[in-house]
Amino acid sequence: MSDAEEILFERRGNIAIVTLNRPKALNALTHGMCVALKARLDAWAMDAAVHAVVIRGAGEKAFCAGGDIRKLYEEGRAGSDYPARFYGDEYRLNAAIYHFPKPYIALIDGFVMGGGVGVSVHGSHRVVGENVKFAMPETGIGLFPDVGGSYFLPRLPHRLGMYLGLTGARFGADDCLHAGLADAIVPAERFDELIDALAANPLQSGHAVSAIVASFAREGAKAPIADHEKVIEDCFSLGSVEGIIEALQAGNDWAQKQAEIILSKSPTSLKLTFRQIREGAGLDFDDCMRMEWRMVCHVMRGHDFYEGTRAVVIDRDNAPKWCPASLEEVDDAEIDRYFQTPQIGELRL
């Protein structure tokens, strides 16, 4: 499938519509898709005839399950510059979405993870379907919650961002609405109706979009995660990964399970994620993206990303051999190096 077929663009009335069109790959992002979408957003930002942009995923299984990790694994192991080109252009796309001057409406159902979060959560309107499965699972493959995770995760209430980042937990529709990751819940079978309604109306403001979305939305129900917020806030506000795990292990059955989950992740990724979320709380969006660029350049030269991807995506034995193998073995001075300017230089936005 060519780049042109992997991401589709159309105009309907006053809106531009983007369709991520790799349903067999759960609409995973390729480098070409990132470049193409960024170019269209730049053009639409200047086009007075385009009042808003809608983005959706093809098929019923996923909005977008992330970046094309298999490609990054293969190219990175071969010493190619593809990972640097991919991440540089993906992060520039994330920034373009965050700064987009018009309504940007993401219609999200099924899996939305990693890179899929990056092309949805930073827009002005996040609409989730009943079957949404939101996650930032990067610590399980030796990465960290990038694509702007440094910015939006620390800004979630009740330390939910630190919880999501370290555990890779999945949120459903009501959890997303409760946490502020979504603005409305609309059944996916009504997405086409919603697009038609948006296309049929002048959308001169975000308020106009919000009113139309609200006319399709259902009321939020009690979020399952709300039952655990006190534990999350108490434990995930502590000053180290080790402190978080110790507090969880001393808690109830649910808390102890979270500790087990965290301990299965890459120790290096856990330390990186903890620090990135704490630092991101005090940075603006663009500086978060520059920080993530520094981090990812170092990650792609290390061990755990390739081992985690092998275990989860390539061989699927789910038995990664992390190096270092424990949190105690992770050198703080080595973690510091991930936040320093890489040999390739800083990210230009």
Protein backbone atom coordinates (compact mmCIF):
# COMPACT_ATOMS: atom_id res chain seq x y z
CA MET A 1 0.00 0.00 0.00
CA SER A 2 1.41 3.40 -0.98
CA ASP A 3 1.60 6.40 1.36
CA ALA A 4 -1.29 7.94 -0.57
CA GLU A 5 -3.47 4.92 0.22
CA GLU A 6 -2.35 4.66 3.85
CA ILE A 7 -3.79 8.05 4.74
CA LEU A 8 -6.79 9.52 2.93
CA PHE A 9 -7.84 13.15 2.67
CA GLU A 10 -11.16 14.56 1.53
CA ARG A 11 -13.22 17.71 1.72
CA ARG A 12 -16.88 17.76 2.70
CA GLY A 13 -18.56 21.12 3.08
CA ASN A 14 -16.50 23.29 5.41
CA ILE A 15 -14.46 20.45 6.87
CA ALA A 16 -11.43 18.42 5.87
CA ILE A 17 -11.50 14.72 6.74
CA VAL A 18 -8.45 12.56 7.45
CA THR A 19 -8.75 8.77 7.47
CA LEU A 20 -5.90 6.63 8.80
CA ASN A 21 -6.20 3.76 6.34
CA ARG A 22 -4.18 0.76 7.50
CA PRO A 23 -6.90 -1.27 9.22
CA LYS A 24 -5.01 -4.59 8.96
CA ALA A 25 -2.14 -2.93 10.87
CA LEU A 26 -4.58 -1.26 13.32
CA ASN A 27 -3.87 2.00 11.46
CA ALA A 28 -0.32 2.18 12.82
CA LEU A 29 1.49 5.34 11.72
CA THR A 30 4.27 5.24 9.15
CA HIS A 31 6.77 7.98 8.44
CA GLY A 32 5.00 8.82 5.18
CA MET A 33 1.66 9.21 6.96
CA CYS A 34 3.17 11.66 9.46
CA VAL A 35 4.76 13.76 6.73
CA ALA A 36 1.60 13.79 4.62
CA LEU A 37 -0.67 14.81 7.50
CA LYS A 38 1.68 17.58 8.65
CA ALA A 39 1.74 19.04 5.11
CA ARG A 40 -2.06 19.00 4.90
CA LEU A 41 -2.46 20.65 8.30
CA ASP A 42 -0.07 23.41 7.28
CA ALA A 43 -2.14 24.03 4.14
CA TRP A 44 -5.52 23.82 5.88
CA ALA A 45 -4.41 26.24 8.58
CA MET A 46 -4.09 28.90 5.85
CA ASP A 47 -7.21 27.91 3.86
CA ALA A 48 -10.21 30.04 4.84
CA ALA A 49 -12.56 27.51 3.22
CA VAL A 50 -11.55 24.86 5.78
CA HIS A 51 -13.29 25.58 9.07
CA ALA A 52 -12.28 22.39 10.89
CA VAL A 53 -10.46 19.08 10.53
CA VAL A 54 -11.85 15.64 11.45
CA ILE A 55 -9.55 12.63 11.89
CA ARG A 56 -10.73 9.02 12.13
CA GLY A 57 -9.42 5.47 11.67
CA ALA A 58 -10.50 2.92 9.07
CA GLY A 59 -12.09 -0.33 10.20
CA GLU A 60 -13.71 -1.23 13.49
CA LYS A 61 -10.74 -2.41 15.57
CA ALA A 62 -8.65 0.71 16.03
CA PHE A 63 -8.35 4.43 15.63
CA CYS A 64 -4.57 4.04 15.65
CA ALA A 65 -2.59 1.56 17.74
CA GLY A 66 0.64 3.59 17.59
CA GLY A 67 3.69 3.96 15.41
CA ASP A 68 4.90 1.19 13.14
CA ILE A 69 7.10 -0.40 15.81
CA ARG A 70 8.16 -3.35 13.66
CA LYS A 71 9.58 -0.98 11.03
CA LEU A 72 11.37 1.07 13.71
CA TYR A 73 12.82 -2.15 15.17
CA GLU A 74 14.08 -3.41 11.83
CA GLU A 75 15.51 -0.11 10.65
CA GLY A 76 17.04 0.75 14.01
CA ARG A 77 18.79 -2.61 14.29
CA ALA A 78 20.18 -2.11 10.79
CA GLY A 79 21.67 1.25 11.78
CA SER A 80 19.39 3.23 9.47
CA ASP A 81 18.49 6.86 10.09
CA TYR A 82 14.80 5.97 9.69
CA PRO A 83 14.04 6.12 13.45
CA ALA A 84 15.43 9.66 13.69
CA ARG A 85 13.48 10.76 10.62
CA PHE A 86 10.31 9.09 11.86
CA TYR A 87 10.41 10.50 15.38
CA GLY A 88 11.47 13.96 14.23
CA ASP A 89 8.57 14.23 11.81
CA GLU A 90 6.11 12.57 14.21
CA TYR A 91 6.94 15.05 16.97
CA ARG A 92 6.67 17.97 14.54
CA LEU A 93 3.22 16.63 13.61
CA ASN A 94 2.22 16.41 17.28
CA ALA A 95 3.24 20.05 17.72
CA ALA A 96 1.30 21.09 14.60
CA ILE A 97 -1.84 19.46 16.02
CA TYR A 98 -1.37 21.10 19.41
CA HIS A 99 -0.95 24.53 17.79
CA PHE A 100 -3.54 24.06 15.02
CA PRO A 101 -5.58 27.29 14.89
CA LYS A 102 -8.91 25.68 13.99
CA PRO A 103 -11.08 22.96 15.53
CA TYR A 104 -9.41 19.55 15.22
CA ILE A 105 -11.90 16.80 15.99
CA ALA A 106 -10.61 13.28 16.67
CA LEU A 107 -13.18 10.47 16.39
CA ILE A 108 -11.63 7.65 18.41
CA ASP A 109 -12.88 4.10 18.81
CA GLY A 110 -11.11 0.80 19.37
CA PHE A 111 -7.41 0.85 20.16
CA VAL A 112 -5.71 4.21 20.57
CA MET A 113 -2.17 3.87 21.82
CA GLY A 114 1.14 5.67 21.55
CA GLY A 115 1.33 7.46 18.22
CA GLY A 116 -2.44 7.26 17.89
CA VAL A 117 -2.77 9.26 21.09
CA GLY A 118 -0.35 11.80 19.65
CA VAL A 119 -2.57 12.50 16.63
CA SER A 120 -5.75 12.77 18.71
CA VAL A 121 -5.39 13.90 22.30
CA HIS A 122 -3.70 17.23 21.45
CA GLY A 123 -6.60 18.38 19.26
CA SER A 124 -9.36 20.72 20.39
CA HIS A 125 -12.13 18.06 20.46
CA ARG A 126 -11.59 14.41 21.49
CA VAL A 127 -14.65 12.21 20.88
CA VAL A 128 -14.46 8.58 21.98
CA GLY A 129 -16.68 5.65 21.07
CA GLU A 130 -18.02 3.04 23.45
CA ASN A 131 -15.29 0.54 22.53
CA VAL A 132 -12.27 2.80 22.92
CA LYS A 133 -9.19 1.20 24.48
CA PHE A 134 -6.78 3.99 25.44
CA ALA A 135 -3.26 3.18 26.64
CA MET A 136 0.32 4.40 26.73
CA PRO A 137 2.04 0.99 26.99
CA GLU A 138 5.57 2.04 26.09
CA THR A 139 7.32 0.95 29.30
CA GLY A 140 6.49 -2.62 28.26
CA ILE A 141 8.62 -2.35 25.12
CA GLY A 142 11.56 -0.43 26.55
CA LEU A 143 10.36 2.98 25.38
CA PHE A 144 8.54 5.77 27.27
CA PRO A 145 5.16 7.52 26.76
CA ASP A 146 6.21 9.99 24.09
CA VAL A 147 4.19 11.89 21.42
CA GLY A 148 3.50 14.59 24.01
CA GLY A 149 3.00 12.28 26.98
CA SER A 150 5.37 14.55 28.89
CA TYR A 151 2.78 17.30 28.53
CA PHE A 152 -0.65 15.72 28.92
CA LEU A 153 0.08 12.96 31.44
CA PRO A 154 1.22 15.20 34.32
CA ARG A 155 -1.81 17.43 33.73
CA LEU A 156 -4.34 14.67 34.38
CA PRO A 157 -6.02 14.72 37.82
CA HIS A 158 -5.30 12.45 40.78
CA ARG A 159 -1.86 11.35 39.44
CA LEU A 160 -3.63 9.35 36.76
CA GLY A 161 -0.92 10.33 34.28
CA MET A 162 1.86 8.76 36.33
CA TYR A 163 -0.32 5.68 36.81
CA LEU A 164 -0.99 5.36 33.06
CA GLY A 165 2.63 5.98 32.15
CA LEU A 166 4.18 3.46 34.51
CA THR A 167 1.61 0.66 34.26
CA GLY A 168 0.45 0.97 30.63
CA ALA A 169 -3.12 0.50 31.92
CA ARG A 170 -6.06 0.66 29.49
CA PHE A 171 -8.89 3.13 29.88
CA GLY A 172 -12.37 2.70 28.44
CA ALA A 173 -14.74 5.47 27.36
CA ASP A 174 -15.97 6.53 30.80
CA ASP A 175 -12.44 6.45 32.23
CA CYS A 176 -11.24 8.67 29.37
CA LEU A 177 -14.04 11.16 29.96
CA HIS A 178 -13.47 11.14 33.71
CA ALA A 179 -9.71 11.69 33.33
CA GLY A 180 -10.07 14.53 30.82
CA LEU A 181 -8.62 12.52 27.93
CA ALA A 182 -11.93 12.83 26.05
CA ASP A 183 -14.48 15.60 25.76
CA ALA A 184 -17.48 13.48 24.80
CA ILE A 185 -18.65 9.90 24.29
CA VAL A 186 -20.49 9.24 21.02
CA PRO A 187 -21.35 5.70 19.86
CA ALA A 188 -19.08 4.84 16.93
CA GLU A 189 -22.06 3.90 14.77
CA ARG A 190 -23.01 7.60 14.86
CA PHE A 191 -19.60 8.93 13.78
CA ASP A 192 -20.72 9.25 10.15
CA GLU A 193 -23.83 11.19 11.22
CA LEU A 194 -21.64 13.46 13.32
CA ILE A 195 -19.33 14.11 10.37
CA ASP A 196 -22.33 14.97 8.18
CA ALA A 197 -23.63 17.39 10.81
CA LEU A 198 -20.24 19.07 11.10
CA ALA A 199 -19.96 19.36 7.32
CA ALA A 200 -23.44 20.89 7.03
CA ASN A 201 -22.83 23.75 9.45
CA PRO A 202 -20.54 26.78 9.50
CA LEU A 203 -17.92 26.10 12.14
CA GLN A 204 -16.54 29.52 12.89
CA SER A 205 -15.66 28.66 16.48
CA GLY A 206 -14.87 25.77 18.74
CA HIS A 207 -18.14 26.45 20.57
CA ALA A 208 -20.08 25.61 17.40
CA VAL A 209 -18.27 22.29 17.14
CA SER A 210 -18.85 21.54 20.83
CA ALA A 211 -22.59 22.17 20.46
CA ILE A 212 -22.88 19.76 17.55
CA VAL A 213 -20.81 17.10 19.31
CA ALA A 214 -22.93 17.49 22.45
CA SER A 215 -26.09 16.79 20.45
CA PHE A 216 -24.72 13.30 19.66
CA ALA A 217 -23.06 12.56 23.01
CA ARG A 218 -24.31 10.35 25.79
CA GLU A 219 -23.94 11.14 29.47
CA GLY A 220 -20.88 9.74 31.15
CA ALA A 221 -21.36 6.84 33.56
CA LYS A 222 -19.29 6.11 36.63
CA ALA A 223 -15.69 5.54 35.60
CA PRO A 224 -14.27 2.22 36.84
CA ILE A 225 -10.96 3.89 37.67
CA ALA A 226 -12.72 6.21 40.14
CA ASP A 227 -12.85 3.36 42.67
CA HIS A 228 -9.04 3.37 42.81
CA GLU A 229 -8.29 7.10 42.68
CA LYS A 230 -7.41 7.43 46.37
CA VAL A 231 -4.83 4.65 46.09
CA ILE A 232 -3.47 6.11 42.84
CA GLU A 233 -3.16 9.61 44.25
CA ASP A 234 -1.51 8.43 47.46
CA CYS A 235 0.96 6.04 45.82
CA PHE A 236 1.80 7.67 42.48
CA SER A 237 2.56 11.04 44.08
CA LEU A 238 5.60 9.60 45.83
CA GLY A 239 9.11 10.71 44.93
CA SER A 240 10.55 7.63 43.23
CA VAL A 241 9.53 4.56 41.28
CA GLU A 242 10.78 2.42 44.14
CA GLY A 243 8.65 4.40 46.59
CA ILE A 244 5.57 3.97 44.41
CA ILE A 245 6.10 0.20 44.20
CA GLU A 246 6.70 -0.14 47.94
CA ALA A 247 3.49 1.76 48.73
CA LEU A 248 1.49 -0.32 46.27
CA GLN A 249 2.85 -3.57 47.70
CA ALA A 250 1.63 -2.49 51.14
CA GLY A 251 -1.86 -1.75 49.80
CA ASN A 252 -4.97 -3.72 48.87
CA ASP A 253 -5.18 -6.50 46.29
CA TRP A 254 -5.67 -4.08 43.42
CA ALA A 255 -2.66 -2.00 44.49
CA GLN A 256 -0.48 -5.10 44.80
CA LYS A 257 -1.46 -6.13 41.29
CA GLN A 258 -0.33 -2.73 39.97
CA ALA A 259 3.04 -3.23 41.65
CA GLU A 260 3.42 -6.57 39.89
CA ILE A 261 2.57 -4.98 36.55
CA ILE A 262 5.10 -2.19 37.02
CA LEU A 263 7.83 -4.63 38.01
CA SER A 264 7.36 -6.47 34.69
CA LYS A 265 8.32 -3.35 32.70
CA SER A 266 11.74 -2.16 31.59
CA PRO A 267 13.50 -0.74 34.67
CA THR A 268 15.22 1.88 32.53
CA SER A 269 11.93 2.88 30.92
CA LEU A 270 10.29 3.20 34.33
CA LYS A 271 13.00 5.57 35.52
CA LEU A 272 12.81 7.58 32.30
CA THR A 273 9.03 7.79 32.42
CA PHE A 274 8.96 8.87 36.05
CA ARG A 275 11.43 11.67 35.37
CA GLN A 276 9.83 12.80 32.09
CA ILE A 277 6.38 13.14 33.69
CA ARG A 278 7.76 15.06 36.67
CA GLU A 279 9.77 17.39 34.44
CA GLY A 280 7.01 17.77 31.86
CA ALA A 281 4.70 19.25 34.49
CA GLY A 282 6.79 22.42 34.39
CA LEU A 283 7.41 22.64 30.63
CA ASP A 284 5.35 24.04 27.76
CA PHE A 285 4.33 21.73 24.93
CA ASP A 286 7.20 22.49 22.57
CA ASP A 287 9.81 22.03 25.28
CA CYS A 288 8.20 18.69 26.16
CA MET A 289 8.64 17.59 22.55
CA ARG A 290 12.27 18.72 22.55
CA MET A 291 12.86 16.74 25.75
CA GLU A 292 11.23 13.63 24.27
CA TRP A 293 13.41 13.96 21.18
CA ARG A 294 16.54 13.90 23.35
CA MET A 295 15.20 10.85 25.17
CA VAL A 296 14.17 8.87 22.10
CA CYS A 297 17.49 9.46 20.33
CA HIS A 298 19.25 7.81 23.26
CA VAL A 299 16.64 5.03 23.57
CA MET A 300 17.13 4.06 19.94
CA ARG A 301 20.85 3.55 20.59
CA GLY A 302 20.23 1.38 23.64
CA HIS A 303 19.16 -2.18 24.42
CA ASP A 304 15.71 -2.33 25.96
CA PHE A 305 13.64 -0.97 23.06
CA TYR A 306 14.90 -3.72 20.75
CA GLU A 307 14.55 -6.42 23.38
CA GLY A 308 11.06 -5.28 24.39
CA THR A 309 9.90 -5.06 20.79
CA ARG A 310 11.36 -8.49 20.09
CA ALA A 311 9.50 -10.00 23.02
CA VAL A 312 6.13 -8.28 22.44
CA VAL A 313 5.93 -7.69 18.67
CA ILE A 314 8.44 -9.91 16.84
CA ASP A 315 8.73 -13.24 18.72
CA ARG A 316 5.73 -12.60 21.01
CA ASP A 317 7.16 -14.69 23.81
CA ASN A 318 6.44 -11.85 26.27
CA ALA A 319 9.65 -12.68 28.10
CA PRO A 320 11.96 -9.69 27.66
CA LYS A 321 15.39 -9.77 29.25
CA TRP A 322 15.89 -6.18 30.35
CA CYS A 323 19.34 -4.73 30.81
CA PRO A 324 19.73 -3.53 33.51
CA ALA A 325 17.37 -6.16 34.91
CA SER A 326 16.26 -4.33 38.06
CA LEU A 327 15.54 -0.80 39.24
CA GLU A 328 18.43 -1.03 41.70
CA GLU A 329 20.85 -1.60 38.82
CA VAL A 330 19.75 1.47 36.84
CA ASP A 331 22.47 4.12 37.09
CA ASP A 332 21.05 7.61 37.74
CA ALA A 333 23.98 9.11 35.82
CA GLU A 334 22.96 7.01 32.81
CA ILE A 335 19.39 8.29 33.08
CA ASP A 336 20.77 11.85 33.08
CA ARG A 337 22.37 11.19 29.71
CA TYR A 338 18.98 10.52 28.11
CA PHE A 339 18.06 14.15 28.78
CA GLN A 340 21.18 15.62 27.18
CA THR A 341 21.47 16.88 23.61
CA PRO A 342 21.99 13.89 21.29
CA GLN A 343 24.77 13.70 18.72
CA ILE A 344 22.26 14.47 15.97
CA GLY A 345 21.36 17.80 17.62
CA GLU A 346 18.15 19.28 19.00
CA LEU A 347 14.69 18.91 17.48
CA ARG A 348 13.64 21.76 15.23
CA LEU A 349 9.92 22.49 15.42
